[in-house]
N, C-alpha and C. Protein backbone atom coordinates (compact mmCIF):
# COMPACT_ATOMS: atom_id res chain seq x y z
N MET A 1 -36.85 142.41 208.73
CA MET A 1 -36.24 142.09 209.98
C MET A 1 -37.19 142.42 211.14
N LYS A 2 -37.91 143.55 211.00
CA LYS A 2 -38.87 143.94 212.03
C LYS A 2 -39.97 142.90 212.15
N MET A 3 -40.41 142.36 211.02
CA MET A 3 -41.50 141.39 211.01
C MET A 3 -41.09 140.12 211.78
N LEU A 4 -39.83 139.73 211.60
CA LEU A 4 -39.34 138.52 212.26
C LEU A 4 -39.33 138.71 213.78
N LYS A 5 -38.93 139.91 214.22
CA LYS A 5 -38.89 140.18 215.67
C LYS A 5 -40.29 140.20 216.26
N LEU A 6 -41.26 140.59 215.48
CA LEU A 6 -42.63 140.63 215.97
C LEU A 6 -43.22 139.22 216.11
N TYR A 7 -42.89 138.34 215.19
CA TYR A 7 -43.46 136.99 215.19
C TYR A 7 -42.69 136.03 216.09
N LEU A 8 -41.45 136.31 216.41
CA LEU A 8 -40.63 135.40 217.19
C LEU A 8 -41.22 135.11 218.57
N PRO A 9 -41.66 136.08 219.36
CA PRO A 9 -42.26 135.76 220.66
C PRO A 9 -43.55 134.95 220.53
N LYS A 10 -44.31 135.21 219.48
CA LYS A 10 -45.56 134.48 219.26
C LYS A 10 -45.27 133.00 218.97
N ILE A 11 -44.25 132.72 218.15
CA ILE A 11 -43.87 131.34 217.80
C ILE A 11 -43.36 130.61 219.04
N LEU A 12 -42.57 131.30 219.87
CA LEU A 12 -42.07 130.68 221.08
C LEU A 12 -43.21 130.32 222.04
N LYS A 13 -44.21 131.17 222.16
CA LYS A 13 -45.36 130.90 223.01
C LYS A 13 -46.13 129.68 222.51
N GLN A 14 -46.26 129.58 221.17
CA GLN A 14 -46.99 128.44 220.59
C GLN A 14 -46.24 127.13 220.85
N ARG A 15 -44.92 127.15 220.74
CA ARG A 15 -44.12 125.94 221.01
C ARG A 15 -44.26 125.52 222.47
N LYS A 16 -44.19 126.50 223.37
CA LYS A 16 -44.32 126.22 224.79
C LYS A 16 -45.68 125.61 225.09
N LEU A 17 -46.73 126.16 224.48
CA LEU A 17 -48.08 125.66 224.69
C LEU A 17 -48.22 124.23 224.16
N LEU A 18 -47.67 123.96 223.00
CA LEU A 18 -47.73 122.62 222.41
C LEU A 18 -47.00 121.61 223.30
N LEU A 19 -45.88 121.99 223.86
CA LEU A 19 -45.13 121.12 224.75
C LEU A 19 -45.93 120.83 226.02
N MET A 20 -46.54 121.83 226.58
CA MET A 20 -47.32 121.66 227.80
C MET A 20 -48.55 120.78 227.55
N VAL A 21 -49.22 120.98 226.43
CA VAL A 21 -50.41 120.17 226.10
C VAL A 21 -50.02 118.71 225.93
N SER A 22 -48.91 118.45 225.25
CA SER A 22 -48.49 117.06 225.04
C SER A 22 -48.10 116.40 226.36
N LEU A 23 -47.43 117.13 227.26
CA LEU A 23 -47.08 116.55 228.56
C LEU A 23 -48.33 116.24 229.39
N VAL A 24 -49.30 117.12 229.38
CA VAL A 24 -50.54 116.88 230.11
C VAL A 24 -51.28 115.68 229.53
N ALA A 25 -51.32 115.56 228.22
CA ALA A 25 -52.01 114.44 227.58
C ALA A 25 -51.31 113.12 227.91
N LEU A 26 -49.99 113.07 227.87
CA LEU A 26 -49.26 111.84 228.20
C LEU A 26 -49.44 111.46 229.66
N SER A 27 -49.40 112.44 230.56
CA SER A 27 -49.59 112.11 231.97
C SER A 27 -51.02 111.62 232.22
N GLY A 28 -52.00 112.18 231.55
CA GLY A 28 -53.37 111.72 231.68
C GLY A 28 -53.53 110.29 231.17
N LEU A 29 -52.88 109.97 230.06
CA LEU A 29 -52.94 108.62 229.52
C LEU A 29 -52.29 107.63 230.48
N TYR A 30 -51.16 108.01 231.06
CA TYR A 30 -50.49 107.16 232.03
C TYR A 30 -51.39 106.92 233.25
N ALA A 31 -52.04 107.99 233.74
CA ALA A 31 -52.93 107.85 234.89
C ALA A 31 -54.10 106.93 234.57
N LEU A 32 -54.66 107.01 233.38
CA LEU A 32 -55.78 106.15 232.98
C LEU A 32 -55.35 104.68 232.96
N ILE A 33 -54.21 104.39 232.39
CA ILE A 33 -53.72 103.01 232.33
C ILE A 33 -53.46 102.49 233.74
N HIS A 34 -52.85 103.32 234.58
CA HIS A 34 -52.57 102.91 235.95
C HIS A 34 -53.87 102.66 236.72
N PHE A 35 -54.86 103.48 236.52
CA PHE A 35 -56.14 103.31 237.19
C PHE A 35 -56.80 102.00 236.75
N LEU A 36 -56.81 101.71 235.45
CA LEU A 36 -57.41 100.48 234.96
C LEU A 36 -56.65 99.25 235.45
N ASP A 37 -55.35 99.38 235.57
CA ASP A 37 -54.54 98.27 236.04
C ASP A 37 -54.86 97.98 237.51
N ARG A 38 -55.02 99.00 238.31
CA ARG A 38 -55.34 98.82 239.74
C ARG A 38 -56.75 98.26 239.91
N LYS A 39 -57.64 98.62 239.03
CA LYS A 39 -59.01 98.18 239.14
C LYS A 39 -59.11 96.67 238.88
N GLY A 40 -58.22 96.12 238.08
CA GLY A 40 -58.21 94.68 237.87
C GLY A 40 -58.63 94.25 236.49
N SER A 41 -58.99 95.15 235.61
CA SER A 41 -59.44 94.73 234.29
C SER A 41 -58.28 94.17 233.47
N LEU A 42 -57.08 94.66 233.67
CA LEU A 42 -55.93 94.13 232.93
C LEU A 42 -55.35 92.90 233.61
N LYS A 43 -55.49 92.79 234.92
CA LYS A 43 -54.93 91.64 235.63
C LYS A 43 -55.68 90.36 235.30
N GLU A 44 -56.95 90.46 234.99
CA GLU A 44 -57.71 89.27 234.65
C GLU A 44 -57.22 88.65 233.35
N ALA A 45 -56.77 89.47 232.43
CA ALA A 45 -56.33 88.97 231.14
C ALA A 45 -54.94 88.34 231.22
N ILE A 46 -54.04 88.92 232.04
CA ILE A 46 -52.67 88.43 232.11
C ILE A 46 -52.31 88.14 233.57
N PRO A 47 -52.34 86.87 233.98
CA PRO A 47 -51.93 86.57 235.36
C PRO A 47 -50.41 86.63 235.46
N VAL A 48 -49.92 87.39 236.40
CA VAL A 48 -48.46 87.52 236.57
C VAL A 48 -48.02 87.01 237.93
N ASP A 49 -48.92 86.36 238.68
CA ASP A 49 -48.59 85.89 240.02
C ASP A 49 -47.62 84.71 239.98
N HIS A 50 -47.87 83.76 239.10
CA HIS A 50 -47.09 82.53 239.12
C HIS A 50 -47.13 81.87 237.74
N PHE A 51 -46.33 80.85 237.61
CA PHE A 51 -46.32 80.04 236.40
C PHE A 51 -47.25 78.86 236.59
N ASN A 52 -47.72 78.32 235.51
CA ASN A 52 -48.54 77.12 235.58
C ASN A 52 -47.60 75.94 235.80
N MET A 53 -47.64 75.38 236.98
CA MET A 53 -46.72 74.30 237.33
C MET A 53 -47.32 72.92 237.08
N LYS A 54 -48.55 72.85 236.60
CA LYS A 54 -49.19 71.57 236.34
C LYS A 54 -48.88 71.13 234.92
N LEU A 55 -48.26 69.99 234.79
CA LEU A 55 -47.95 69.42 233.48
C LEU A 55 -48.98 68.36 233.15
N PRO A 56 -49.24 68.16 231.86
CA PRO A 56 -50.17 67.09 231.50
C PRO A 56 -49.55 65.72 231.76
N GLU A 57 -50.37 64.75 231.98
CA GLU A 57 -49.90 63.39 232.22
C GLU A 57 -49.27 62.82 230.94
N PRO A 58 -48.21 62.04 231.06
CA PRO A 58 -47.57 61.49 229.87
C PRO A 58 -48.44 60.40 229.23
N LEU A 59 -48.38 60.33 227.92
CA LEU A 59 -49.11 59.31 227.18
C LEU A 59 -48.09 58.33 226.60
N PHE A 60 -48.16 57.08 227.07
CA PHE A 60 -47.24 56.05 226.60
C PHE A 60 -47.98 55.14 225.64
N ASP A 61 -47.23 54.64 224.65
CA ASP A 61 -47.79 53.70 223.71
C ASP A 61 -47.89 52.33 224.39
N ALA A 62 -49.00 51.66 224.24
CA ALA A 62 -49.20 50.36 224.89
C ALA A 62 -48.21 49.33 224.38
N LYS A 63 -47.81 49.44 223.11
CA LYS A 63 -46.85 48.49 222.55
C LYS A 63 -45.48 48.67 223.18
N ASP A 64 -45.10 49.92 223.44
CA ASP A 64 -43.77 50.20 223.98
C ASP A 64 -43.62 49.73 225.42
N GLU A 65 -44.71 49.63 226.17
CA GLU A 65 -44.62 49.19 227.56
C GLU A 65 -44.17 47.73 227.65
N LYS A 66 -44.51 46.95 226.66
CA LYS A 66 -44.19 45.52 226.69
C LYS A 66 -42.83 45.23 226.06
N MET A 67 -42.19 46.22 225.46
CA MET A 67 -40.94 45.98 224.75
C MET A 67 -39.75 45.99 225.72
N THR A 68 -38.80 45.11 225.43
CA THR A 68 -37.56 45.09 226.19
C THR A 68 -36.48 45.78 225.37
N LYS A 69 -35.29 45.85 225.95
CA LYS A 69 -34.19 46.50 225.25
C LYS A 69 -33.86 45.75 223.95
N LEU A 70 -33.91 44.44 224.00
CA LEU A 70 -33.62 43.65 222.81
C LEU A 70 -34.67 43.89 221.72
N ASP A 71 -35.92 44.09 222.12
CA ASP A 71 -36.97 44.38 221.16
C ASP A 71 -36.73 45.72 220.46
N TYR A 72 -36.24 46.70 221.23
CA TYR A 72 -35.91 47.99 220.62
C TYR A 72 -34.79 47.85 219.59
N TYR A 73 -33.79 47.02 219.92
CA TYR A 73 -32.70 46.78 218.95
C TYR A 73 -33.22 46.09 217.70
N LYS A 74 -34.13 45.14 217.87
CA LYS A 74 -34.70 44.44 216.70
C LYS A 74 -35.48 45.42 215.84
N ARG A 75 -36.24 46.31 216.48
CA ARG A 75 -37.00 47.31 215.73
C ARG A 75 -36.06 48.24 214.96
N ALA A 76 -34.95 48.64 215.60
CA ALA A 76 -33.99 49.51 214.94
C ALA A 76 -33.36 48.80 213.74
N ASP A 77 -33.03 47.52 213.88
CA ASP A 77 -32.48 46.76 212.75
C ASP A 77 -33.48 46.68 211.60
N ALA A 78 -34.75 46.43 211.92
CA ALA A 78 -35.77 46.35 210.88
C ALA A 78 -35.92 47.71 210.18
N ASP A 79 -35.86 48.79 210.95
CA ASP A 79 -35.94 50.12 210.34
C ASP A 79 -34.75 50.38 209.44
N SER A 80 -33.56 49.93 209.86
CA SER A 80 -32.37 50.12 209.03
C SER A 80 -32.47 49.37 207.72
N VAL A 81 -32.98 48.14 207.79
CA VAL A 81 -33.15 47.35 206.56
C VAL A 81 -34.15 48.02 205.64
N ARG A 82 -35.27 48.50 206.23
CA ARG A 82 -36.29 49.18 205.43
C ARG A 82 -35.72 50.44 204.79
N LYS A 83 -34.94 51.19 205.54
CA LYS A 83 -34.36 52.42 205.00
C LYS A 83 -33.38 52.12 203.87
N ARG A 84 -32.56 51.08 204.05
CA ARG A 84 -31.62 50.70 202.99
C ARG A 84 -32.36 50.28 201.72
N ALA A 85 -33.45 49.55 201.88
CA ALA A 85 -34.24 49.12 200.72
C ALA A 85 -34.84 50.32 200.01
N GLU A 86 -35.33 51.29 200.77
CA GLU A 86 -35.88 52.50 200.15
C GLU A 86 -34.80 53.29 199.42
N MET A 87 -33.61 53.35 199.98
CA MET A 87 -32.52 54.08 199.32
C MET A 87 -32.11 53.41 198.02
N GLN A 88 -32.14 52.06 198.01
CA GLN A 88 -31.76 51.36 196.78
C GLN A 88 -32.81 51.55 195.70
N GLN A 89 -34.06 51.72 196.07
CA GLN A 89 -35.11 51.93 195.09
C GLN A 89 -35.19 53.38 194.62
N ASP A 90 -34.61 54.30 195.36
CA ASP A 90 -34.65 55.71 195.00
C ASP A 90 -33.68 55.98 193.85
N PRO A 91 -34.17 56.43 192.68
CA PRO A 91 -33.27 56.65 191.55
C PRO A 91 -32.30 57.81 191.76
N TYR A 92 -32.63 58.73 192.64
CA TYR A 92 -31.75 59.87 192.87
C TYR A 92 -30.71 59.61 193.96
N TYR A 93 -30.82 58.50 194.66
CA TYR A 93 -29.88 58.19 195.73
C TYR A 93 -28.79 57.24 195.29
N LYS A 94 -29.02 56.48 194.23
CA LYS A 94 -28.06 55.45 193.83
C LYS A 94 -26.68 56.05 193.59
N LEU A 95 -25.68 55.33 194.05
CA LEU A 95 -24.30 55.78 193.89
C LEU A 95 -23.74 55.23 192.57
N THR A 96 -22.94 56.02 191.92
CA THR A 96 -22.28 55.55 190.70
C THR A 96 -21.05 54.74 191.11
N GLU A 97 -20.41 54.07 190.15
CA GLU A 97 -19.26 53.23 190.46
C GLU A 97 -18.11 54.05 191.06
N SER A 98 -17.89 55.27 190.58
CA SER A 98 -16.77 56.07 191.08
C SER A 98 -17.03 56.58 192.49
N THR A 99 -18.29 56.71 192.87
CA THR A 99 -18.59 57.23 194.21
C THR A 99 -18.77 56.12 195.24
N GLN A 100 -18.90 54.86 194.81
CA GLN A 100 -19.08 53.78 195.76
C GLN A 100 -17.83 53.59 196.62
N SER A 101 -16.66 53.84 196.05
CA SER A 101 -15.44 53.69 196.84
C SER A 101 -15.30 54.81 197.86
N LEU A 102 -15.99 55.93 197.63
CA LEU A 102 -15.92 57.06 198.53
C LEU A 102 -17.09 57.13 199.49
N ALA A 103 -17.95 56.12 199.51
CA ALA A 103 -19.13 56.16 200.36
C ALA A 103 -18.70 56.31 201.81
N GLY A 104 -19.27 57.29 202.49
CA GLY A 104 -18.93 57.53 203.88
C GLY A 104 -17.83 58.56 204.07
N LYS A 105 -17.13 58.92 202.99
CA LYS A 105 -16.08 59.92 203.09
C LYS A 105 -16.59 61.22 202.48
N ALA A 106 -16.48 62.28 203.21
CA ALA A 106 -16.91 63.58 202.69
C ALA A 106 -15.72 64.27 202.05
N SER A 107 -15.97 64.93 200.93
CA SER A 107 -14.88 65.59 200.23
C SER A 107 -15.14 67.08 200.05
N GLY A 108 -16.07 67.63 200.82
CA GLY A 108 -16.44 69.03 200.63
C GLY A 108 -15.99 69.91 201.78
N PRO A 109 -16.48 71.13 201.79
CA PRO A 109 -16.11 72.07 202.85
C PRO A 109 -16.78 71.70 204.17
N ALA A 110 -16.27 72.25 205.27
CA ALA A 110 -16.82 71.97 206.59
C ALA A 110 -17.85 73.02 206.97
N THR A 111 -18.82 72.59 207.77
CA THR A 111 -19.81 73.52 208.32
C THR A 111 -19.21 74.18 209.55
N PRO A 112 -19.85 75.22 210.11
CA PRO A 112 -19.32 75.83 211.34
C PRO A 112 -19.22 74.85 212.50
N ALA A 113 -20.06 73.80 212.50
CA ALA A 113 -20.01 72.82 213.58
C ALA A 113 -18.87 71.83 213.38
N GLY A 114 -18.18 71.88 212.25
CA GLY A 114 -17.05 70.99 212.01
C GLY A 114 -17.41 69.77 211.19
N GLN A 115 -18.64 69.62 210.77
CA GLN A 115 -19.03 68.48 209.97
C GLN A 115 -18.71 68.75 208.52
N LEU A 116 -18.27 67.71 207.82
CA LEU A 116 -17.93 67.87 206.41
C LEU A 116 -19.16 67.70 205.55
N ILE A 117 -19.23 68.47 204.50
CA ILE A 117 -20.34 68.41 203.56
C ILE A 117 -19.85 67.66 202.33
N ASP A 118 -20.60 66.63 201.93
CA ASP A 118 -20.18 65.85 200.77
C ASP A 118 -20.69 66.54 199.51
N THR A 119 -19.78 67.06 198.72
CA THR A 119 -20.14 67.71 197.47
C THR A 119 -19.96 66.79 196.29
N GLY A 120 -19.67 65.53 196.56
CA GLY A 120 -19.49 64.57 195.48
C GLY A 120 -18.02 64.44 195.12
N PRO A 121 -17.68 63.38 194.42
CA PRO A 121 -16.28 63.18 194.09
C PRO A 121 -15.84 64.08 192.95
N SER A 122 -14.57 64.42 192.98
CA SER A 122 -14.03 65.17 191.85
C SER A 122 -13.67 64.16 190.76
N PRO A 123 -13.68 64.55 189.50
CA PRO A 123 -13.45 63.58 188.43
C PRO A 123 -12.05 62.99 188.42
N SER A 124 -11.07 63.64 189.02
CA SER A 124 -9.70 63.14 188.94
C SER A 124 -9.34 62.24 190.10
N ILE A 125 -10.25 61.97 191.03
CA ILE A 125 -9.91 61.15 192.20
C ILE A 125 -9.61 59.72 191.78
N GLY A 126 -10.43 59.14 190.93
CA GLY A 126 -10.21 57.76 190.50
C GLY A 126 -8.88 57.58 189.79
N ALA A 127 -8.53 58.52 188.91
CA ALA A 127 -7.27 58.42 188.18
C ALA A 127 -6.08 58.58 189.12
N THR A 128 -6.16 59.44 190.10
CA THR A 128 -5.08 59.66 191.04
C THR A 128 -4.87 58.44 191.91
N GLN A 129 -5.96 57.82 192.34
CA GLN A 129 -5.84 56.64 193.18
C GLN A 129 -5.23 55.47 192.39
N ASP A 130 -5.62 55.33 191.13
CA ASP A 130 -5.04 54.26 190.31
C ASP A 130 -3.55 54.47 190.11
N ALA A 131 -3.13 55.70 189.88
CA ALA A 131 -1.71 55.98 189.67
C ALA A 131 -0.93 55.69 190.95
N ARG A 132 -1.46 56.07 192.09
CA ARG A 132 -0.79 55.79 193.36
C ARG A 132 -0.69 54.29 193.61
N ALA A 133 -1.78 53.58 193.30
CA ALA A 133 -1.78 52.13 193.50
C ALA A 133 -0.73 51.46 192.62
N ASP A 134 -0.60 51.91 191.38
CA ASP A 134 0.41 51.34 190.48
C ASP A 134 1.82 51.61 191.00
N GLU A 135 2.05 52.83 191.49
CA GLU A 135 3.38 53.16 192.03
C GLU A 135 3.70 52.30 193.25
N LEU A 136 2.74 52.10 194.13
CA LEU A 136 2.98 51.29 195.31
C LEU A 136 3.25 49.83 194.94
N LEU A 137 2.53 49.32 193.95
CA LEU A 137 2.77 47.94 193.52
C LEU A 137 4.17 47.77 192.93
N LYS A 138 4.63 48.74 192.15
CA LYS A 138 5.98 48.68 191.59
C LYS A 138 7.03 48.70 192.69
N LYS A 139 6.85 49.58 193.67
CA LYS A 139 7.80 49.65 194.78
C LYS A 139 7.80 48.36 195.59
N LEU A 140 6.62 47.75 195.76
CA LEU A 140 6.53 46.50 196.50
C LEU A 140 7.27 45.39 195.75
N ASP A 141 7.13 45.34 194.43
CA ASP A 141 7.85 44.33 193.63
C ASP A 141 9.36 44.54 193.74
N GLN A 142 9.82 45.79 193.70
CA GLN A 142 11.26 46.06 193.84
C GLN A 142 11.76 45.63 195.21
N LEU A 143 10.98 45.87 196.23
CA LEU A 143 11.37 45.48 197.58
C LEU A 143 11.46 43.96 197.69
N LYS A 144 10.53 43.23 197.09
CA LYS A 144 10.56 41.76 197.13
C LYS A 144 11.81 41.23 196.42
N GLN A 145 12.16 41.85 195.29
CA GLN A 145 13.35 41.41 194.55
C GLN A 145 14.62 41.66 195.36
N THR A 146 14.72 42.79 196.03
CA THR A 146 15.93 43.05 196.82
C THR A 146 16.00 42.15 198.04
N ILE A 147 14.89 41.75 198.57
CA ILE A 147 14.91 40.84 199.73
C ILE A 147 15.33 39.44 199.29
N GLN A 148 14.91 39.01 198.11
CA GLN A 148 15.20 37.66 197.65
C GLN A 148 16.62 37.51 197.12
N LYS A 149 17.33 38.60 196.84
CA LYS A 149 18.71 38.51 196.35
C LYS A 149 19.60 37.94 197.44
N PRO A 150 20.52 37.06 197.05
CA PRO A 150 21.45 36.55 198.06
C PRO A 150 22.46 37.64 198.43
N VAL A 151 22.81 37.70 199.70
CA VAL A 151 23.75 38.71 200.16
C VAL A 151 25.15 38.20 199.91
N SER A 152 25.95 38.99 199.19
CA SER A 152 27.36 38.59 198.93
C SER A 152 28.24 39.41 199.88
N PRO A 153 29.29 38.76 200.44
CA PRO A 153 30.16 39.49 201.35
C PRO A 153 30.96 40.54 200.57
N ALA A 154 31.20 41.64 201.21
CA ALA A 154 31.95 42.72 200.58
C ALA A 154 33.42 42.35 200.49
N VAL A 155 34.09 42.72 199.40
CA VAL A 155 35.49 42.37 199.18
C VAL A 155 36.37 43.37 199.94
N GLY A 156 37.34 42.86 200.67
CA GLY A 156 38.30 43.70 201.34
C GLY A 156 37.88 44.17 202.72
N VAL A 157 36.78 43.74 203.18
CA VAL A 157 36.34 44.16 204.50
C VAL A 157 36.34 42.93 205.40
N SER A 158 37.04 43.02 206.52
CA SER A 158 37.09 41.90 207.43
C SER A 158 35.92 41.99 208.40
N PRO A 159 35.39 40.89 208.84
CA PRO A 159 34.21 40.90 209.68
C PRO A 159 34.43 41.61 211.01
N GLY A 160 35.62 41.60 211.59
CA GLY A 160 35.82 42.20 212.90
C GLY A 160 36.26 43.64 212.85
N ALA A 161 36.69 44.15 211.72
CA ALA A 161 37.21 45.50 211.65
C ALA A 161 36.07 46.49 211.46
N ALA A 162 36.16 47.56 212.21
CA ALA A 162 35.14 48.57 212.05
C ALA A 162 35.75 49.93 212.08
């Protein structure tokens, strides 16, 4: 215990000295940077006075200057035809028979922006649509038959009595 009391003031003095030396070193470093900044050696490398307001001149395509709005539409149509031809030749893009009826319809989850992601058709979609179509055709036939039946007057009911 006596040994600890003897060393405690010495340790405190060393800590105080280390703190003072570090503060003097940091303030000296700050003064050096400030001096160099005032001298102008750092200002030459990084101009902070203003932004470069000069923009380069635009470069236009000589072909585009002669084009009219109708020419742009014709070019877009030609690009669409070319793109469709490339898609038909792409073996990984071709649609199967079951997916051709769903072309343009997305059946997947939505992105955060609200757009639907097409994950492909589920295998039961074609069977479900066929079953619905058959049911609708049966109901349509029943409706046609009931419309074509002659209406017979009800027995015991007079036309004016209600």
